[in-house]
Amino acid sequence: MEKFIELIMMLLVFWLATNFLMKFLPGLATQLPLPIYEFLYAFTGAGEDIPQDPTGFFSPEPSPDS
């Protein structure tokens, strides 16, 4: 039972750290490799609607300077 509680606590701390990273430091989060970013994005609970390009580099909208 003690191992189960430790596992739950580790997952909770990881989830809190991931949410903090994704919400308050998105510039740092988007510099991660794409598979890691997508995993963390899904882990935060927002993974239902993962954007096709979370970095925004290839957005379908034309840039104002083009």
Protein backbone atom coordinates (compact mmCIF):
# COMPACT_ATOMS: atom_id res chain seq x y z
CA MET A 1 0.00 0.00 0.00
CA GLU A 2 2.89 2.35 0.74
CA LYS A 3 4.32 1.82 -2.78
CA PHE A 4 0.92 2.64 -4.28
CA ILE A 5 0.74 5.91 -2.35
CA GLU A 6 4.28 6.81 -3.46
CA LEU A 7 3.36 6.10 -7.10
CA ILE A 8 0.23 8.26 -6.87
CA MET A 9 2.22 11.07 -5.26
CA MET A 10 4.91 10.91 -7.99
CA LEU A 11 2.25 11.02 -10.71
CA LEU A 12 0.56 13.96 -9.01
CA VAL A 13 3.82 15.91 -8.78
CA PHE A 14 4.61 15.10 -12.44
CA TRP A 15 1.13 16.21 -13.49
CA LEU A 16 1.43 19.48 -11.54
CA ALA A 17 4.88 20.22 -12.98
CA THR A 18 3.64 19.44 -16.50
CA ASN A 19 0.62 21.72 -16.12
CA PHE A 20 2.84 24.53 -14.83
CA LEU A 21 5.21 24.11 -17.77
CA MET A 22 2.45 24.03 -20.37
CA LYS A 23 0.44 26.96 -18.96
CA PHE A 24 3.06 29.35 -17.63
CA LEU A 25 6.14 28.55 -19.74
CA PRO A 26 4.73 27.68 -23.17
CA GLY A 27 7.79 29.11 -24.94
CA LEU A 28 9.98 26.59 -23.16
CA ALA A 29 7.49 23.76 -23.70
CA THR A 30 7.33 24.30 -27.47
CA GLN A 31 11.12 23.95 -27.71
CA LEU A 32 10.85 20.31 -26.64
CA PRO A 33 10.92 17.63 -29.34
CA LEU A 34 7.45 17.23 -30.85
CA PRO A 35 6.71 13.69 -29.54
CA ILE A 36 7.57 14.78 -25.98
CA TYR A 37 5.52 17.96 -26.31
CA GLU A 38 2.52 16.01 -27.63
CA PHE A 39 2.79 13.51 -24.76
CA LEU A 40 2.94 16.28 -22.16
CA TYR A 41 0.08 18.12 -23.87
CA ALA A 42 -2.06 14.98 -23.77
CA PHE A 43 -1.00 14.28 -20.17
CA THR A 44 -2.31 17.66 -19.00
CA GLY A 45 -5.83 16.67 -20.04
CA ALA A 46 -6.01 18.97 -23.04
CA GLY A 47 -5.03 16.13 -25.37
CA GLU A 48 -8.51 15.68 -26.78
CA ASP A 49 -7.94 18.49 -29.26
CA ILE A 50 -4.22 18.34 -30.03
CA PRO A 51 -3.48 20.87 -32.75
CA GLN A 52 -1.78 19.52 -35.86
CA ASP A 53 1.09 21.98 -35.38
CA PRO A 54 1.38 23.10 -31.73
CA THR A 55 4.36 25.34 -32.51
CA GLY A 56 2.39 27.45 -35.01
CA PHE A 57 5.22 27.53 -37.54
CA PHE A 58 3.12 26.10 -40.35
CA SER A 59 -0.19 27.82 -39.77
CA PRO A 60 -2.53 27.92 -42.79
CA GLU A 61 -3.04 31.66 -42.35
CA PRO A 62 -0.71 33.80 -44.45
CA SER A 63 1.69 35.95 -42.50
CA PRO A 64 1.23 39.74 -42.78
CA ASP A 65 4.63 40.20 -44.43
CA SER A 66 3.96 37.84 -47.34
